[in-house]
C-alpha atoms as a PDB file:
ATOM      1  CA  MET A   1     -16.962   5.791  -4.182  1.00  0.00           C
ATOM      2  CA  LYS A   2     -13.406   6.810  -5.028  1.00  0.00           C
ATOM      3  CA  THR A   3     -13.981  10.324  -3.699  1.00  0.00           C
ATOM      4  CA  SER A   4     -15.541   8.961  -0.514  1.00  0.00           C
ATOM      5  CA  TYR A   5     -12.675   6.657   0.417  1.00  0.00           C
ATOM      6  CA  PHE A   6     -10.107   9.303  -0.538  1.00  0.00           C
ATOM      7  CA  LEU A   7     -11.615  11.851   1.837  1.00  0.00           C
ATOM      8  CA  THR A   8     -12.266   9.347   4.608  1.00  0.00           C
ATOM      9  CA  PHE A   9      -8.763   7.962   4.714  1.00  0.00           C
ATOM     10  CA  SER A  10      -7.094  11.328   4.134  1.00  0.00           C
ATOM     11  CA  LEU A  11      -8.822  12.576   7.267  1.00  0.00           C
ATOM     12  CA  LEU A  12      -7.796   9.381   9.048  1.00  0.00           C
ATOM     13  CA  LEU A  13      -4.148   9.987   8.190  1.00  0.00           C
ATOM     14  CA  CYS A  14      -4.362  13.576   9.433  1.00  0.00           C
ATOM     15  CA  VAL A  15      -5.683  12.343  12.772  1.00  0.00           C
ATOM     16  CA  LEU A  16      -3.010   9.665  13.028  1.00  0.00           C
ATOM     17  CA  PHE A  17      -0.106  12.017  12.353  1.00  0.00           C
ATOM     18  CA  THR A  18      -1.139  14.767  14.808  1.00  0.00           C
ATOM     19  CA  GLU A  19      -0.765  14.839  18.567  1.00  0.00           C
ATOM     20  CA  ALA A  20       0.929  11.460  18.747  1.00  0.00           C
ATOM     21  CA  LYS A  21       4.393  10.408  19.849  1.00  0.00           C
ATOM     22  CA  VAL A  22       7.043   9.236  17.386  1.00  0.00           C
ATOM     23  CA  TRP A  23       9.355   6.356  18.349  1.00  0.00           C
ATOM     24  CA  ARG A  24      12.546   5.244  16.596  1.00  0.00           C
ATOM     25  CA  VAL A  25      13.400   1.550  16.405  1.00  0.00           C
ATOM     26  CA  ASN A  26      16.827   0.410  15.220  1.00  0.00           C
ATOM     27  CA  SER A  27      18.483  -2.919  16.027  1.00  0.00           C
ATOM     28  CA  THR A  28      21.891  -2.002  14.559  1.00  0.00           C
ATOM     29  CA  ALA A  29      24.609  -2.155  17.192  1.00  0.00           C
ATOM     30  CA  GLY A  30      25.875   1.278  18.185  1.00  0.00           C
ATOM     31  CA  VAL A  31      22.881   3.208  16.810  1.00  0.00           C
ATOM     32  CA  SER A  32      21.093   5.349  19.378  1.00  0.00           C
ATOM     33  CA  ALA A  33      17.329   4.902  19.070  1.00  0.00           C
ATOM     34  CA  ASP A  34      14.357   4.672  21.423  1.00  0.00           C
ATOM     35  CA  PHE A  35      14.203   0.889  21.046  1.00  0.00           C
ATOM     36  CA  SER A  36      16.105  -1.922  19.367  1.00  0.00           C
ATOM     37  CA  SER A  37      13.079  -4.249  19.368  1.00  0.00           C
ATOM     38  CA  ILE A  38       9.731  -3.644  17.718  1.00  0.00           C
ATOM     39  CA  THR A  39       8.095  -5.849  20.361  1.00  0.00           C
ATOM     40  CA  ILE A  40       9.256  -3.543  23.131  1.00  0.00           C
ATOM     41  CA  ALA A  41       8.378  -0.482  21.041  1.00  0.00           C
ATOM     42  CA  TYR A  42       4.871  -1.841  20.553  1.00  0.00           C
ATOM     43  CA  SER A  43       4.440  -2.431  24.282  1.00  0.00           C
ATOM     44  CA  SER A  44       5.575   1.125  25.064  1.00  0.00           C
ATOM     45  CA  ALA A  45       3.581   2.926  22.364  1.00  0.00           C
ATOM     46  CA  ASN A  46       0.178   4.444  22.989  1.00  0.00           C
ATOM     47  CA  PRO A  47      -2.675   4.175  20.491  1.00  0.00           C
ATOM     48  CA  GLY A  48      -2.099   6.650  17.664  1.00  0.00           C
ATOM     49  CA  ASP A  49       1.694   6.714  18.030  1.00  0.00           C
ATOM     50  CA  THR A  50       4.075   6.361  15.097  1.00  0.00           C
ATOM     51  CA  ILE A  51       6.940   3.860  14.978  1.00  0.00           C
ATOM     52  CA  TYR A  52       9.780   4.574  12.566  1.00  0.00           C
ATOM     53  CA  LEU A  53      11.216   1.146  11.793  1.00  0.00           C
ATOM     54  CA  GLU A  54      14.708   2.049  10.648  1.00  0.00           C
ATOM     55  CA  PRO A  55      16.570  -0.152   8.136  1.00  0.00           C
ATOM     56  CA  THR A  56      18.893  -2.871   9.400  1.00  0.00           C
ATOM     57  CA  ALA A  57      20.495  -6.030   8.092  1.00  0.00           C
ATOM     58  CA  THR A  58      18.327  -8.248  10.338  1.00  0.00           C
ATOM     59  CA  ASN A  59      14.625  -9.051  10.598  1.00  0.00           C
ATOM     60  CA  TYR A  60      12.675  -7.368  13.391  1.00  0.00           C
ATOM     61  CA  GLY A  61      10.421 -10.422  13.659  1.00  0.00           C
ATOM     62  CA  ASN A  62       6.660 -10.737  13.993  1.00  0.00           C
ATOM     63  CA  ILE A  63       4.239  -8.132  15.292  1.00  0.00           C
ATOM     64  CA  SER A  64       0.608  -8.586  16.307  1.00  0.00           C
ATOM     65  CA  LEU A  65      -1.291  -5.312  16.621  1.00  0.00           C
ATOM     66  CA  ALA A  66      -4.267  -4.768  18.925  1.00  0.00           C
ATOM     67  CA  LYS A  67      -4.013  -0.964  19.060  1.00  0.00           C
ATOM     68  CA  LYS A  68      -3.898   1.783  16.466  1.00  0.00           C
ATOM     69  CA  LEU A  69      -0.346   2.503  15.278  1.00  0.00           C
ATOM     70  CA  VAL A  70       1.443   3.923  12.275  1.00  0.00           C
ATOM     71  CA  ILE A  71       4.523   1.902  11.261  1.00  0.00           C
ATOM     72  CA  ILE A  72       6.880   3.466   8.706  1.00  0.00           C
ATOM     73  CA  GLY A  73       9.857   1.721   7.112  1.00  0.00           C
ATOM     74  CA  ASN A  74      12.623   2.608   4.666  1.00  0.00           C
ATOM     75  CA  GLY A  75      11.221   1.139   1.441  1.00  0.00           C
ATOM     76  CA  TYR A  76      12.575  -1.682  -0.737  1.00  0.00           C
ATOM     77  CA  PHE A  77      14.588  -2.187  -3.939  1.00  0.00           C
ATOM     78  CA  THR A  78      16.494   0.949  -2.880  1.00  0.00           C
ATOM     79  CA  ASP A  79      19.717  -0.472  -4.285  1.00  0.00           C
ATOM     80  CA  GLN A  80      18.050  -0.817  -7.693  1.00  0.00           C
ATOM     81  CA  ASN A  81      16.148   2.465  -8.011  1.00  0.00           C
ATOM     82  CA  PRO A  82      18.283   5.638  -8.022  1.00  0.00           C
ATOM     83  CA  ALA A  83      17.733   8.586  -5.681  1.00  0.00           C
ATOM     84  CA  THR A  84      15.596   6.651  -3.200  1.00  0.00           C
ATOM     85  CA  GLN A  85      17.548   6.020   0.025  1.00  0.00           C
ATOM     86  CA  ALA A  86      21.208   6.298   0.970  1.00  0.00           C
ATOM     87  CA  ASP A  87      20.874   3.236   3.216  1.00  0.00           C
ATOM     88  CA  PHE A  88      20.118   0.166   1.094  1.00  0.00           C
ATOM     89  CA  ASN A  89      19.037  -1.968   4.057  1.00  0.00           C
ATOM     90  CA  GLN A  90      15.308  -2.608   4.473  1.00  0.00           C
ATOM     91  CA  SER A  91      12.855  -2.470   7.341  1.00  0.00           C
ATOM     92  CA  LEU A  92      12.222  -6.201   7.584  1.00  0.00           C
ATOM     93  CA  LEU A  93       9.273  -7.817   9.363  1.00  0.00           C
ATOM     94  CA  GLY A  94       7.992 -11.371   9.613  1.00  0.00           C
ATOM     95  CA  THR A  95       4.257 -11.841  10.129  1.00  0.00           C
ATOM     96  CA  VAL A  96       2.105  -8.743  10.672  1.00  0.00           C
ATOM     97  CA  THR A  97      -1.331  -9.377  12.194  1.00  0.00           C
ATOM     98  CA  PHE A  98      -4.029  -6.714  12.503  1.00  0.00           C
ATOM     99  CA  ASN A  99      -6.288  -7.798  15.361  1.00  0.00           C
ATOM    100  CA  PRO A 100      -9.466  -6.144  16.679  1.00  0.00           C
ATOM    101  CA  GLY A 101      -8.375  -2.980  18.448  1.00  0.00           C
ATOM    102  CA  SER A 102      -5.902  -2.012  15.720  1.00  0.00           C
ATOM    103  CA  GLU A 103      -8.521  -0.201  13.635  1.00  0.00           C
ATOM    104  CA  GLY A 104      -7.044   2.910  12.037  1.00  0.00           C
ATOM    105  CA  SER A 105      -3.539   1.443  11.777  1.00  0.00           C
ATOM    106  CA  VAL A 106      -1.225   2.140   8.836  1.00  0.00           C
ATOM    107  CA  ILE A 107       1.875   0.233   7.732  1.00  0.00           C
ATOM    108  CA  GLN A 108       4.115   1.456   4.922  1.00  0.00           C
ATOM    109  CA  GLY A 109       7.632   1.217   3.562  1.00  0.00           C
ATOM    110  CA  CYS A 110       8.390  -2.232   5.011  1.00  0.00           C
ATOM    111  CA  LYS A 111       9.359  -5.602   3.612  1.00  0.00           C
ATOM    112  CA  ILE A 112       6.901  -8.055   5.145  1.00  0.00           C
ATOM    113  CA  TYR A 113       6.705 -11.832   5.013  1.00  0.00           C
ATOM    114  CA  TYR A 114       2.957 -12.224   5.551  1.00  0.00           C
ATOM    115  CA  ILE A 115      -0.040 -10.066   6.546  1.00  0.00           C
ATOM    116  CA  SER A 116      -3.212 -11.311   8.266  1.00  0.00           C
ATOM    117  CA  ILE A 117      -6.167  -8.911   8.516  1.00  0.00           C
ATOM    118  CA  LEU A 118      -8.766  -9.628  11.194  1.00  0.00           C
ATOM    119  CA  THR A 119     -10.314  -6.191  11.629  1.00  0.00           C
ATOM    120  CA  SER A 120     -11.544  -3.094   9.762  1.00  0.00           C
ATOM    121  CA  GLN A 121     -10.107   0.313   8.856  1.00  0.00           C
ATOM    122  CA  ILE A 122      -6.566  -0.707   7.948  1.00  0.00           C
ATOM    123  CA  ILE A 123      -4.213   0.878   5.401  1.00  0.00           C
ATOM    124  CA  ILE A 124      -1.432  -1.249   3.902  1.00  0.00           C
ATOM    125  CA  GLN A 125       0.594   0.836   1.459  1.00  0.00           C
ATOM    126  CA  ARG A 126       4.006   0.944  -0.212  1.00  0.00           C
ATOM    127  CA  ASN A 127       5.246  -2.365   1.206  1.00  0.00           C
ATOM    128  CA  TYR A 128       7.012  -5.344  -0.325  1.00  0.00           C
ATOM    129  CA  ILE A 129       4.983  -8.357   0.810  1.00  0.00           C
ATOM    130  CA  THR A 130       6.384 -11.737  -0.151  1.00  0.00           C
ATOM    131  CA  TYR A 131       5.532 -15.232   1.034  1.00  0.00           C
ATOM    132  CA  ASN A 132       7.162 -18.551   0.196  1.00  0.00           C
ATOM    133  CA  THR A 133       5.221 -21.230   2.046  1.00  0.00           C
ATOM    134  CA  ASP A 134       2.783 -23.838   0.779  1.00  0.00           C
ATOM    135  CA  GLY A 135      -0.870 -23.348   1.601  1.00  0.00           C
ATOM    136  CA  ALA A 136      -1.032 -19.668   2.529  1.00  0.00           C
ATOM    137  CA  ALA A 137      -1.436 -16.222   1.018  1.00  0.00           C
ATOM    138  CA  SER A 138       0.871 -13.226   1.287  1.00  0.00           C
ATOM    139  CA  VAL A 139      -2.090 -11.018   2.265  1.00  0.00           C
ATOM    140  CA  ILE A 140      -5.131 -12.731   3.734  1.00  0.00           C
ATOM    141  CA  PHE A 141      -8.468 -11.362   4.907  1.00  0.00           C
ATOM    142  CA  ASP A 142      -8.872 -13.695   7.848  1.00  0.00           C
ATOM    143  CA  ALA A 143     -12.144 -12.712   9.573  1.00  0.00           C
ATOM    144  CA  ASP A 144     -15.802 -12.258   8.732  1.00  0.00           C
ATOM    145  CA  ASN A 145     -17.517  -8.868   8.654  1.00  0.00           C
ATOM    146  CA  ILE A 146     -14.538  -6.553   8.201  1.00  0.00           C
ATOM    147  CA  SER A 147     -14.516  -3.494   5.958  1.00  0.00           C
ATOM    148  CA  ASN A 148     -12.872  -0.215   4.910  1.00  0.00           C
ATOM    149  CA  ILE A 149      -9.460  -1.658   4.108  1.00  0.00           C
ATOM    150  CA  ILE A 150      -7.037  -0.105   1.630  1.00  0.00           C
ATOM    151  CA  ILE A 151      -4.205  -2.046  -0.021  1.00  0.00           C
ATOM    152  CA  ARG A 152      -2.386   0.327  -2.360  1.00  0.00           C
ATOM    153  CA  GLY A 153       0.986   0.910  -3.938  1.00  0.00           C
ATOM    154  CA  ASN A 154       2.471  -2.399  -2.758  1.00  0.00           C
ATOM    155  CA  TYR A 155       4.652  -5.021  -4.425  1.00  0.00           C
ATOM    156  CA  ILE A 156       2.878  -8.270  -3.480  1.00  0.00           C
ATOM    157  CA  GLU A 157       3.946 -11.740  -4.518  1.00  0.00           C
ATOM    158  CA  ASN A 158       3.788 -15.368  -3.479  1.00  0.00           C
ATOM    159  CA  THR A 159       6.921 -17.106  -4.667  1.00  0.00           C
ATOM    160  CA  TYR A 160       6.097 -20.633  -3.473  1.00  0.00           C
ATOM    161  CA  SER A 161       6.235 -23.212  -6.247  1.00  0.00           C
ATOM    162  CA  SER A 162       7.009 -26.920  -6.438  1.00  0.00           C
ATOM    163  CA  ASN A 163       6.834 -29.819  -8.820  1.00  0.00           C
ATOM    164  CA  PRO A 164       4.644 -31.817  -8.551  1.00  0.00           C
ATOM    165  CA  TYR A 165       2.265 -29.051  -7.476  1.00  0.00           C
ATOM    166  CA  PRO A 166       0.825 -29.430  -3.993  1.00  0.00           C
ATOM    167  CA  ASN A 167      -2.556 -28.818  -2.496  1.00  0.00           C
ATOM    168  CA  PRO A 168      -3.670 -26.610  -0.697  1.00  0.00           C
ATOM    169  CA  THR A 169      -3.099 -23.555  -2.792  1.00  0.00           C
ATOM    170  CA  SER A 170      -0.779 -20.572  -2.423  1.00  0.00           C
ATOM    171  CA  GLU A 171      -1.950 -17.052  -3.294  1.00  0.00           C
ATOM    172  CA  ALA A 172      -0.767 -13.456  -3.225  1.00  0.00           C
ATOM    173  CA  ILE A 173      -4.112 -12.024  -1.998  1.00  0.00           C
ATOM    174  CA  LYS A 174      -6.893 -14.158  -0.562  1.00  0.00           C
ATOM    175  CA  SER A 175     -10.367 -13.585   0.878  1.00  0.00           C
ATOM    176  CA  GLU A 176     -12.678 -16.523   1.553  1.00  0.00           C
ATOM    177  CA  LYS A 177     -14.538 -15.032   4.522  1.00  0.00           C
ATOM    178  CA  ASN A 178     -18.030 -13.494   4.528  1.00  0.00           C
ATOM    179  CA  GLY A 179     -18.773  -9.795   4.816  1.00  0.00           C
ATOM    180  CA  VAL A 180     -15.380  -8.529   3.642  1.00  0.00           C
ATOM    181  CA  ASN A 181     -16.644  -5.276   2.147  1.00  0.00           C
ATOM    182  CA  ASN A 182     -15.495  -1.883   0.861  1.00  0.00           C
ATOM    183  CA  VAL A 183     -11.955  -3.050   0.184  1.00  0.00           C
ATOM    184  CA  ILE A 184      -9.787  -0.952  -2.120  1.00  0.00           C
ATOM    185  CA  ILE A 185      -6.962  -2.791  -3.919  1.00  0.00           C
ATOM    186  CA  THR A 186      -5.231  -0.267  -6.134  1.00  0.00           C
ATOM    187  CA  ASN A 187      -1.898   0.558  -7.803  1.00  0.00           C
ATOM    188  CA  ASN A 188      -0.227  -2.685  -6.729  1.00  0.00           C
ATOM    189  CA  ILE A 189       2.143  -5.036  -8.530  1.00  0.00           C
ATOM    190  CA  ILE A 190       0.719  -8.498  -7.752  1.00  0.00           C
ATOM    191  CA  ASN A 191       2.482 -11.703  -8.815  1.00  0.00           C
ATOM    192  CA  ALA A 192       1.852 -15.417  -8.415  1.00  0.00           C
ATOM    193  CA  ALA A 193       4.680 -17.936  -8.418  1.00  0.00           C
ATOM    194  CA  ASP A 194       3.538 -19.396 -11.730  1.00  0.00           C
ATOM    195  CA  LEU A 195       0.468 -20.032 -13.879  1.00  0.00           C
ATOM    196  CA  ASN A 196      -0.450 -23.416 -12.407  1.00  0.00           C
ATOM    197  CA  SER A 197      -4.064 -23.496 -11.230  1.00  0.00           C
ATOM    198  CA  VAL A 198      -3.235 -24.211  -7.587  1.00  0.00           C
ATOM    199  CA  HIS A 199      -0.940 -21.186  -7.307  1.00  0.00           C
ATOM    200  CA  ARG A 200      -3.395 -18.374  -7.871  1.00  0.00           C
ATOM    201  CA  VAL A 201      -2.594 -14.706  -7.644  1.00  0.00           C
ATOM    202  CA  ILE A 202      -5.951 -13.481  -6.280  1.00  0.00           C
ATOM    203  CA  ILE A 203      -8.949 -15.220  -4.731  1.00  0.00           C
ATOM    204  CA  LEU A 204     -11.738 -12.827  -3.743  1.00  0.00           C
ATOM    205  CA  SER A 205     -14.698 -15.072  -3.019  1.00  0.00           C
ATOM    206  CA  SER A 206     -18.467 -14.489  -2.940  1.00  0.00           C
ATOM    207  CA  GLY A 207     -18.260 -12.893   0.503  1.00  0.00           C
ATOM    208  CA  PHE A 208     -16.029 -10.084  -0.820  1.00  0.00           C
ATOM    209  CA  SER A 209     -16.829  -6.730  -2.398  1.00  0.00           C
ATOM    210  CA  GLY A 210     -14.584  -3.846  -3.354  1.00  0.00           C
ATOM    211  CA  ILE A 211     -12.713  -1.879  -5.983  1.00  0.00           C
ATOM    212  CA  ILE A 212      -9.782  -3.349  -7.929  1.00  0.00           C
ATOM    213  CA  GLU A 213      -8.075  -0.589  -9.924  1.00  0.00           C
ATOM    214  CA  ASN A 214      -4.813   0.294 -11.672  1.00  0.00           C
ATOM    215  CA  ASN A 215      -2.954  -2.880 -10.740  1.00  0.00           C
ATOM    216  CA  VAL A 216      -0.429  -4.881 -12.770  1.00  0.00           C
ATOM    217  CA  ILE A 217      -1.173  -8.569 -12.200  1.00  0.00           C
ATOM    218  CA  TYR A 218       0.381 -11.903 -13.165  1.00  0.00           C
ATOM    219  CA  GLY A 219      -1.286 -15.228 -12.413  1.00  0.00           C
ATOM    220  CA  ASN A 220      -4.656 -16.937 -12.231  1.00  0.00           C
ATOM    221  CA  GLY A 221      -7.443 -15.251 -10.298  1.00  0.00           C
ATOM    222  CA  THR A 222     -11.073 -15.120  -9.208  1.00  0.00           C
ATOM    223  CA  ILE A 223     -12.784 -11.840  -8.313  1.00  0.00           C
ATOM    224  CA  ASN A 224     -16.352 -11.460  -7.020  1.00  0.00           C
ATOM    225  CA  ASN A 225     -18.676  -8.484  -6.525  1.00  0.00           C
ATOM    226  CA  SER A 226     -16.194  -5.771  -7.485  1.00  0.00           C
ATOM    227  CA  THR A 227     -15.588  -2.803  -9.720  1.00  0.00           C
ATOM    228  CA  VAL A 228     -12.532  -3.740 -11.785  1.00  0.00           C
ATOM    229  CA  ASN A 229     -11.015  -0.873 -13.796  1.00  0.00           C
ATOM    230  CA  ASN A 230      -7.739   0.156 -15.435  1.00  0.00           C
ATOM    231  CA  ASN A 231      -5.823  -3.023 -14.586  1.00  0.00           C
ATOM    232  CA  ILE A 232      -3.239  -4.770 -16.737  1.00  0.00           C
ATOM    233  CA  TRP A 233      -3.397  -8.569 -16.519  1.00  0.00           C
ATOM    234  CA  ARG A 234      -0.033  -9.736 -17.815  1.00  0.00           C
ATOM    235  CA  ASP A 235      -0.881 -13.439 -18.049  1.00  0.00           C
ATOM    236  CA  GLY A 236      -3.124 -16.091 -16.529  1.00  0.00           C
ATOM    237  CA  TYR A 237      -6.841 -16.850 -16.524  1.00  0.00           C
ATOM    238  CA  LEU A 238      -9.356 -14.645 -14.709  1.00  0.00           C
ATOM    239  CA  SER A 239     -12.870 -15.396 -13.496  1.00  0.00           C
ATOM    240  CA  LEU A 240     -14.994 -12.269 -12.937  1.00  0.00           C
ATOM    241  CA  ILE A 241     -18.243 -13.008 -11.075  1.00  0.00           C
ATOM    242  CA  ASN A 242     -20.872 -10.308 -10.530  1.00  0.00           C
ATOM    243  CA  CYS A 243     -18.311  -7.627 -11.415  1.00  0.00           C
ATOM    244  CA  VAL A 244     -18.374  -4.402 -13.378  1.00  0.00           C
ATOM    245  CA  TYR A 245     -15.156  -4.076 -15.380  1.00  0.00           C
ATOM    246  CA  ASN A 246     -14.032  -1.276 -17.652  1.00  0.00           C
ATOM    247  CA  ASN A 247     -10.895  -0.220 -19.538  1.00  0.00           C
ATOM    248  CA  ASN A 248      -8.686  -3.125 -18.514  1.00  0.00           C
ATOM    249  CA  ILE A 249      -5.950  -4.715 -20.631  1.00  0.00           C
ATOM    250  CA  GLY A 250      -5.233  -8.423 -20.890  1.00  0.00           C
ATOM    251  CA  ASN A 251      -2.672 -10.483 -22.754  1.00  0.00           C
ATOM    252  CA  SER A 252      -5.537 -12.846 -23.612  1.00  0.00           C
ATOM    253  CA  THR A 253      -9.331 -12.549 -23.311  1.00  0.00           C
ATOM    254  CA  GLN A 254      -9.482 -12.000 -19.536  1.00  0.00           C
ATOM    255  CA  PHE A 255     -11.707  -8.894 -19.903  1.00  0.00           C
ATOM    256  CA  GLY A 256     -13.117  -9.205 -23.397  1.00  0.00           C
ATOM    257  CA  THR A 257     -13.453  -6.164 -25.644  1.00  0.00           C
ATOM    258  CA  LEU A 258     -16.586  -4.385 -24.384  1.00  0.00           C
ATOM    259  CA  ASN A 259     -16.627  -1.275 -22.167  1.00  0.00           C
ATOM    260  CA  GLY A 260     -13.169  -0.094 -23.190  1.00  0.00           C
ATOM    261  CA  ASN A 261     -11.441  -3.381 -22.328  1.00  0.00           C
ATOM    262  CA  LYS A 262      -8.644  -4.645 -24.588  1.00  0.00           C
ATOM    263  CA  SER A 263      -7.822  -8.283 -25.302  1.00  0.00           C
ATOM    264  CA  ASN A 264      -4.847 -10.152 -26.744  1.00  0.00           C
ATOM    265  CA  VAL A 265      -2.461  -7.265 -26.142  1.00  0.00           C
ATOM    266  CA  THR A 266       1.240  -8.101 -26.434  1.00  0.00           C
ATOM    267  CA  MET A 267       2.795  -7.135 -23.115  1.00  0.00           C
ATOM    268  CA  GLU A 268       6.037  -6.122 -24.811  1.00  0.00           C
ATOM    269  CA  SER A 269       4.072  -3.254 -26.365  1.00  0.00           C
ATOM    270  CA  VAL A 270       2.772  -2.140 -22.960  1.00  0.00           C
ATOM    271  CA  PHE A 271       5.798  -1.942 -20.614  1.00  0.00           C
ATOM    272  CA  VAL A 272       9.377  -0.746 -20.868  1.00  0.00           C
ATOM    273  CA  GLY A 273      10.340  -4.239 -19.671  1.00  0.00           C
ATOM    274  CA  THR A 274      13.752  -3.341 -18.212  1.00  0.00           C
ATOM    275  CA  GLY A 275      14.997  -1.883 -14.962  1.00  0.00           C
ATOM    276  CA  SER A 276      14.310  -2.731 -11.351  1.00  0.00           C
ATOM    277  CA  PRO A 277      11.593  -5.218 -10.308  1.00  0.00           C
ATOM    278  CA  ASP A 278       9.073  -2.358 -10.092  1.00  0.00           C
ATOM    279  CA  SER A 279      10.350   0.245 -12.588  1.00  0.00           C
ATOM    280  CA  LYS A 280      10.133  -2.220 -15.482  1.00  0.00           C
ATOM    281  CA  TRP A 281       6.338  -1.906 -15.307  1.00  0.00           C
ATOM    282  CA  MET A 282       6.468   1.715 -16.429  1.00  0.00           C
ATOM    283  CA  LEU A 283       4.622   2.269 -19.688  1.00  0.00           C
ATOM    284  CA  ARG A 284       6.650   2.485 -22.868  1.00  0.00           C
ATOM    285  CA  THR A 285       6.196   5.151 -25.517  1.00  0.00           C
ATOM    286  CA  ALA A 286       2.973   4.591 -27.485  1.00  0.00           C
ATOM    287  CA  SER A 287       1.824   1.942 -25.001  1.00  0.00           C
ATOM    288  CA  PRO A 288      -1.854   1.009 -25.469  1.00  0.00           C
ATOM    289  CA  ALA A 289      -2.235   1.598 -21.722  1.00  0.00           C
ATOM    290  CA  ILE A 290      -1.517   5.331 -22.090  1.00  0.00           C
ATOM    291  CA  GLY A 291      -4.855   7.114 -21.842  1.00  0.00           C
ATOM    292  CA  GLY A 292      -6.592   3.742 -21.941  1.00  0.00           C
ATOM    293  CA  GLY A 293      -8.177   3.945 -18.494  1.00  0.00           C
ATOM    294  CA  VAL A 294     -11.562   5.244 -17.358  1.00  0.00           C
ATOM    295  CA  GLY A 295     -11.710   8.996 -17.895  1.00  0.00           C
ATOM    296  CA  GLY A 296      -8.590   8.964 -20.053  1.00  0.00           C
ATOM    297  CA  ILE A 297      -6.058   8.144 -17.328  1.00  0.00           C
ATOM    298  CA  ASP A 298      -3.392   5.505 -17.912  1.00  0.00           C
ATOM    299  CA  CYS A 299      -3.961   1.865 -17.099  1.00  0.00           C
ATOM    300  CA  GLY A 300      -1.447   0.347 -14.715  1.00  0.00           C
ATOM    301  CA  ILE A 301       0.163   1.397 -11.487  1.00  0.00           C
ATOM    302  CA  PHE A 302       1.564   4.838 -12.248  1.00  0.00           C
ATOM    303  CA  ASP A 303      -1.709   6.770 -12.595  1.00  0.00           C
ATOM    304  CA  GLY A 304      -4.887   7.289 -10.594  1.00  0.00           C
ATOM    305  CA  ASP A 305      -5.405   9.031  -7.255  1.00  0.00           C
ATOM    306  CA  PHE A 306      -2.427   7.296  -5.641  1.00  0.00           C
ATOM    307  CA  PRO A 307       0.252   6.444  -8.246  1.00  0.00           C
ATOM    308  CA  TYR A 308       2.775   3.771  -7.352  1.00  0.00           C
ATOM    309  CA  MET A 309       5.964   5.119  -5.748  1.00  0.00           C
ATOM    310  CA  LEU A 310       9.140   3.323  -6.815  1.00  0.00           C
ATOM    311  CA  SER A 311      10.723   1.354  -3.953  1.00  0.00           C
ATOM    312  CA  GLY A 312       7.718   2.055  -1.731  1.00  0.00           C
ATOM    313  CA  ILE A 313       9.369   5.190  -0.372  1.00  0.00           C
ATOM    314  CA  PRO A 314       7.052   6.508   2.362  1.00  0.00           C
ATOM    315  CA  PRO A 315       5.609  10.033   2.085  1.00  0.00           C
ATOM    316  CA  ILE A 316       8.237  11.639   4.311  1.00  0.00           C
ATOM    317  CA  PRO A 317      11.596  13.283   3.416  1.00  0.00           C
ATOM    318  CA  SER A 318      14.426  10.860   2.654  1.00  0.00           C
ATOM    319  CA  ILE A 319      18.214  11.108   2.433  1.00  0.00           C
ATOM    320  CA  TYR A 320      19.193   9.518  -0.868  1.00  0.00           C
ATOM    321  CA  GLN A 321      22.878  10.509  -1.003  1.00  0.00           C
ATOM    322  CA  PHE A 322      25.468  11.033   1.735  1.00  0.00           C
ATOM    323  CA  ASP A 323      29.035  12.068   0.916  1.00  0.00           C
ATOM    324  CA  HIS A 324      31.821  13.221   3.206  1.00  0.00           C
ATOM    325  CA  ASP A 325      35.431  14.269   2.813  1.00  0.00           C
ATOM    326  CA  ILE A 326      38.183  15.147   5.267  1.00  0.00           C
ATOM    327  CA  ASN A 327      39.889  18.507   4.749  1.00  0.00           C
ATOM    328  CA  TYR A 328      43.270  17.902   6.371  1.00  0.00           C
ATOM    329  CA  ILE A 329      44.398  21.511   5.894  1.00  0.00           C
ATOM    330  CA  ASN A 330      41.489  22.993   7.834  1.00  0.00           C
ATOM    331  CA  GLN A 331      41.050  19.851   9.933  1.00  0.00           C
ATOM    332  CA  GLN A 332      37.372  19.715   9.076  1.00  0.00           C
ATOM    333  CA  ILE A 333      34.974  17.055   7.855  1.00  0.00           C
ATOM    334  CA  GLU A 334      32.996  18.273   4.873  1.00  0.00           C
ATOM    335  CA  VAL A 335      29.593  16.629   4.523  1.00  0.00           C
ATOM    336  CA  GLU A 336      27.167  16.779   1.596  1.00  0.00           C
ATOM    337  CA  ILE A 337      23.668  15.395   2.054  1.00  0.00           C
ATOM    338  CA  SER A 338      21.025  15.112  -0.687  1.00  0.00           C
ATOM    339  CA  VAL A 339      17.458  15.118   0.604  1.00  0.00           C
ATOM    340  CA  LYS A 340      14.127  15.036  -1.210  1.00  0.00           C
ATOM    341  CA  SER A 341      10.496  15.088  -0.193  1.00  0.00           C
ATOM    342  CA  ASN A 342       8.174  12.265  -1.197  1.00  0.00           C
ATOM    343  CA  ASN A 343       4.444  12.478  -1.774  1.00  0.00           C
END
């Protein structure tokens, strides 16, 4: 199954990035771009076009997609991870909704408040998705009979918490619809606000099926009908229903000890524990996660077919350093730019 989805979505990306127009969106005053508003950019774009959502200090607002687009932002935590981007601003969005008609769309490198998925064939990768409202999830599968959705390499959290704890619940990823199938959730950092039972990190109900691999997860969760491999569950209870699970690591007995799973592992022995919000989940020397995954790969986010990229830097070249100096003798401006490619 891994090979199948890799080939399918690799071909999809090739189609999306060829023979389509690229639009620049930047709301910073004085910057010359095609548009200053993502709403106007969306209205002007044709299906298959790419929108570069350039970093600014303000939020671009909500977007509701009903046609196939590729949206690429600047990444996140760029002020905390070295050699990522020279511009520390982010590509900020409010609510992103994938409606029928947006099949084949990709969004990456953005900081997003909330994502609602109502259709199939969507890729959500390398984004920072964070919600802070009672009674909703940061990423929600919001329609029946949708499939072929990839959520990979993201930093996903729901930070809502209160005392006393409210009802309804708040989650990071939620699916309570029927026929939500062939979903790949891989190489993500996924956090709940806390370990209280009403603030769960993942709810994937009986109508869900998919693959959950190489994630680092904190919080209480329920997963149905899935293959669950190579994950590290930092804390919280986990209910696995009709699942196959191999080579996972838990701080308690979330996965048991059969089929290569490890229980009661001290998390301080697993991660480096210092650094930026995402780099601190790198594996430390002699970590039990090293080589602990299926086939001898590492558990956690930095191994597998699509390893996590720090700061969610999109797979395009980036300028991570910009220096200039004025040579008054020659009356010239000397500029030095450091650029790197990203996979």
